[in-house]
Amino acid sequence: TIQDELDDLFENATTPVENGDEIEINYSSGVLTISLGANGTWVLNKQTPNRQIWWSSPLSGPQRFEHLRIEEGDGTDVWVSSRDSSSRLGALLSKELKELYGFEVEFNM
């Protein structure tokens, strides 16, 4: 799960987290909260009936991601931003973590 990937990322990071920020990653009732101390809090809220994830980020702000199945190749499921129809949830999260901490991580979603 994304929670497991994030837990592993921060527990095994070779780059120290700046400022000794307290990092908390919690998942409860369809809401994933990633608290990165002074760098802010990300919230991903699963909206199952709508097949959406609502995203809140201190860097890119709020947006909605729609679930799509890409039929080409291996039939991958992806989450695409309703804001611009090209941004993917995993790529955006990876970009923001790299921007803040220099972590190279890829989320397949």
C-alpha atoms as a PDB file:
ATOM      1  CA  THR A   1       0.000   0.000   0.000  1.00  0.00           C
ATOM      2  CA  ILE A   2       1.044   3.617  -0.314  1.00  0.00           C
ATOM      3  CA  GLN A   3       1.172   3.863   3.483  1.00  0.00           C
ATOM      4  CA  ASP A   4       3.677   0.987   3.628  1.00  0.00           C
ATOM      5  CA  GLU A   5       5.774   2.536   0.844  1.00  0.00           C
ATOM      6  CA  LEU A   6       5.895   5.892   2.660  1.00  0.00           C
ATOM      7  CA  ASP A   7       6.713   4.265   6.015  1.00  0.00           C
ATOM      8  CA  ASP A   8       9.608   2.377   4.392  1.00  0.00           C
ATOM      9  CA  LEU A   9      10.787   5.491   2.584  1.00  0.00           C
ATOM     10  CA  PHE A  10      11.108   7.592   5.710  1.00  0.00           C
ATOM     11  CA  GLU A  11      12.397   4.800   7.962  1.00  0.00           C
ATOM     12  CA  ASN A  12      15.127   3.795   5.499  1.00  0.00           C
ATOM     13  CA  ALA A  13      16.005   7.219   4.097  1.00  0.00           C
ATOM     14  CA  THR A  14      19.699   7.784   3.499  1.00  0.00           C
ATOM     15  CA  THR A  15      19.135  11.555   3.386  1.00  0.00           C
ATOM     16  CA  PRO A  16      18.371  12.925   6.831  1.00  0.00           C
ATOM     17  CA  VAL A  17      15.062  14.702   7.158  1.00  0.00           C
ATOM     18  CA  GLU A  18      15.814  18.386   7.593  1.00  0.00           C
ATOM     19  CA  ASN A  19      15.247  20.203  10.878  1.00  0.00           C
ATOM     20  CA  GLY A  20      14.580  16.943  12.726  1.00  0.00           C
ATOM     21  CA  ASP A  21      10.947  17.129  11.622  1.00  0.00           C
ATOM     22  CA  GLU A  22       8.582  14.683  13.256  1.00  0.00           C
ATOM     23  CA  ILE A  23       7.107  12.517  10.494  1.00  0.00           C
ATOM     24  CA  GLU A  24       3.770  10.798  10.964  1.00  0.00           C
ATOM     25  CA  ILE A  25       1.919   8.675   8.431  1.00  0.00           C
ATOM     26  CA  ASN A  26      -1.574   7.544   9.386  1.00  0.00           C
ATOM     27  CA  TYR A  27      -4.403   5.813   7.565  1.00  0.00           C
ATOM     28  CA  SER A  28      -7.884   5.670   9.029  1.00  0.00           C
ATOM     29  CA  SER A  29     -11.375   5.424   7.530  1.00  0.00           C
ATOM     30  CA  GLY A  30     -10.196   6.041   3.965  1.00  0.00           C
ATOM     31  CA  VAL A  31      -8.018   9.050   4.839  1.00  0.00           C
ATOM     32  CA  LEU A  32      -4.217   8.956   4.501  1.00  0.00           C
ATOM     33  CA  THR A  33      -2.491  11.764   6.406  1.00  0.00           C
ATOM     34  CA  ILE A  34       1.211  12.459   5.846  1.00  0.00           C
ATOM     35  CA  SER A  35       2.507  14.975   8.388  1.00  0.00           C
ATOM     36  CA  LEU A  36       6.007  16.242   7.638  1.00  0.00           C
ATOM     37  CA  GLY A  37       6.520  18.691  10.469  1.00  0.00           C
ATOM     38  CA  ALA A  38       7.427  22.198   9.301  1.00  0.00           C
ATOM     39  CA  ASN A  39       6.964  21.116   5.656  1.00  0.00           C
ATOM     40  CA  GLY A  40       3.233  20.657   6.154  1.00  0.00           C
ATOM     41  CA  THR A  41       0.600  17.970   5.939  1.00  0.00           C
ATOM     42  CA  TRP A  42      -0.718  16.080   2.930  1.00  0.00           C
ATOM     43  CA  VAL A  43      -4.178  14.534   3.092  1.00  0.00           C
ATOM     44  CA  LEU A  44      -5.467  11.949   0.635  1.00  0.00           C
ATOM     45  CA  ASN A  45      -9.144  11.193   1.149  1.00  0.00           C
ATOM     46  CA  LYS A  46     -10.648   8.224  -0.691  1.00  0.00           C
ATOM     47  CA  GLN A  47     -14.121   8.904  -2.106  1.00  0.00           C
ATOM     48  CA  THR A  48     -15.138   5.355  -2.988  1.00  0.00           C
ATOM     49  CA  PRO A  49     -18.626   5.998  -4.450  1.00  0.00           C
ATOM     50  CA  ASN A  50     -17.188   8.618  -6.837  1.00  0.00           C
ATOM     51  CA  ARG A  51     -14.016   6.645  -7.619  1.00  0.00           C
ATOM     52  CA  GLN A  52     -11.972   9.684  -6.614  1.00  0.00           C
ATOM     53  CA  ILE A  53      -9.176  10.660  -4.278  1.00  0.00           C
ATOM     54  CA  TRP A  54      -9.284  14.156  -2.857  1.00  0.00           C
ATOM     55  CA  TRP A  55      -5.796  15.562  -2.361  1.00  0.00           C
ATOM     56  CA  SER A  56      -4.637  18.417  -0.187  1.00  0.00           C
ATOM     57  CA  SER A  57      -1.002  19.502  -0.334  1.00  0.00           C
ATOM     58  CA  PRO A  58       0.854  22.459   1.176  1.00  0.00           C
ATOM     59  CA  LEU A  59       2.809  22.716  -2.106  1.00  0.00           C
ATOM     60  CA  SER A  60       0.248  22.206  -4.874  1.00  0.00           C
ATOM     61  CA  GLY A  61      -3.007  22.853  -3.029  1.00  0.00           C
ATOM     62  CA  PRO A  62      -6.253  20.911  -3.284  1.00  0.00           C
ATOM     63  CA  GLN A  63      -7.279  18.771  -6.228  1.00  0.00           C
ATOM     64  CA  ARG A  64      -9.304  15.711  -7.151  1.00  0.00           C
ATOM     65  CA  PHE A  65      -7.978  12.606  -8.847  1.00  0.00           C
ATOM     66  CA  GLU A  66     -10.215  10.351 -10.945  1.00  0.00           C
ATOM     67  CA  HIS A  67      -9.660   6.602 -11.201  1.00  0.00           C
ATOM     68  CA  LEU A  68      -8.929   5.453 -14.748  1.00  0.00           C
ATOM     69  CA  ARG A  69      -7.935   2.129 -16.221  1.00  0.00           C
ATOM     70  CA  ILE A  70      -5.369   2.393 -19.007  1.00  0.00           C
ATOM     71  CA  GLU A  71      -6.126  -0.385 -21.481  1.00  0.00           C
ATOM     72  CA  GLU A  72      -2.786  -0.133 -23.265  1.00  0.00           C
ATOM     73  CA  GLY A  73       0.051  -2.350 -22.117  1.00  0.00           C
ATOM     74  CA  ASP A  74      -0.664  -4.137 -18.840  1.00  0.00           C
ATOM     75  CA  GLY A  75      -4.043  -2.473 -18.121  1.00  0.00           C
ATOM     76  CA  THR A  76      -2.695  -0.268 -15.347  1.00  0.00           C
ATOM     77  CA  ASP A  77      -5.020   1.553 -12.953  1.00  0.00           C
ATOM     78  CA  VAL A  78      -4.073   5.212 -12.512  1.00  0.00           C
ATOM     79  CA  TRP A  79      -5.322   8.264 -10.659  1.00  0.00           C
ATOM     80  CA  VAL A  80      -5.464  11.322 -12.960  1.00  0.00           C
ATOM     81  CA  SER A  81      -5.999  14.919 -11.842  1.00  0.00           C
ATOM     82  CA  SER A  82      -9.346  16.412 -12.781  1.00  0.00           C
ATOM     83  CA  ARG A  83      -7.562  19.793 -12.828  1.00  0.00           C
ATOM     84  CA  ASP A  84      -5.457  19.138 -15.935  1.00  0.00           C
ATOM     85  CA  SER A  85      -6.197  15.527 -17.008  1.00  0.00           C
ATOM     86  CA  SER A  86      -2.510  14.704 -17.324  1.00  0.00           C
ATOM     87  CA  SER A  87      -1.064  14.813 -13.784  1.00  0.00           C
ATOM     88  CA  ARG A  88      -0.985  11.486 -11.993  1.00  0.00           C
ATOM     89  CA  LEU A  89      -1.265  11.144  -8.243  1.00  0.00           C
ATOM     90  CA  GLY A  90       1.852   9.010  -7.791  1.00  0.00           C
ATOM     91  CA  ALA A  91       3.993  11.309  -9.951  1.00  0.00           C
ATOM     92  CA  LEU A  92       2.840  14.409  -8.071  1.00  0.00           C
ATOM     93  CA  LEU A  93       3.546  12.882  -4.658  1.00  0.00           C
ATOM     94  CA  SER A  94       6.973  11.714  -5.875  1.00  0.00           C
ATOM     95  CA  LYS A  95       7.757  15.182  -7.247  1.00  0.00           C
ATOM     96  CA  GLU A  96       6.809  16.943  -4.023  1.00  0.00           C
ATOM     97  CA  LEU A  97       8.814  14.570  -1.799  1.00  0.00           C
ATOM     98  CA  LYS A  98      11.827  14.990  -4.083  1.00  0.00           C
ATOM     99  CA  GLU A  99      11.432  18.767  -3.978  1.00  0.00           C
ATOM    100  CA  LEU A 100      11.398  18.777  -0.167  1.00  0.00           C
ATOM    101  CA  TYR A 101      13.829  16.002   0.722  1.00  0.00           C
ATOM    102  CA  GLY A 102      15.627  14.874  -2.434  1.00  0.00           C
ATOM    103  CA  PHE A 103      14.091  11.396  -2.159  1.00  0.00           C
ATOM    104  CA  GLU A 104      13.899   9.399  -5.381  1.00  0.00           C
ATOM    105  CA  VAL A 105      10.727   7.356  -5.060  1.00  0.00           C
ATOM    106  CA  GLU A 106       8.189   6.068  -7.554  1.00  0.00           C
ATOM    107  CA  PHE A 107       4.581   5.355  -6.680  1.00  0.00           C
ATOM    108  CA  ASN A 108       2.722   3.242  -9.216  1.00  0.00           C
ATOM    109  CA  MET A 109      -0.739   4.736  -9.113  1.00  0.00           C
END
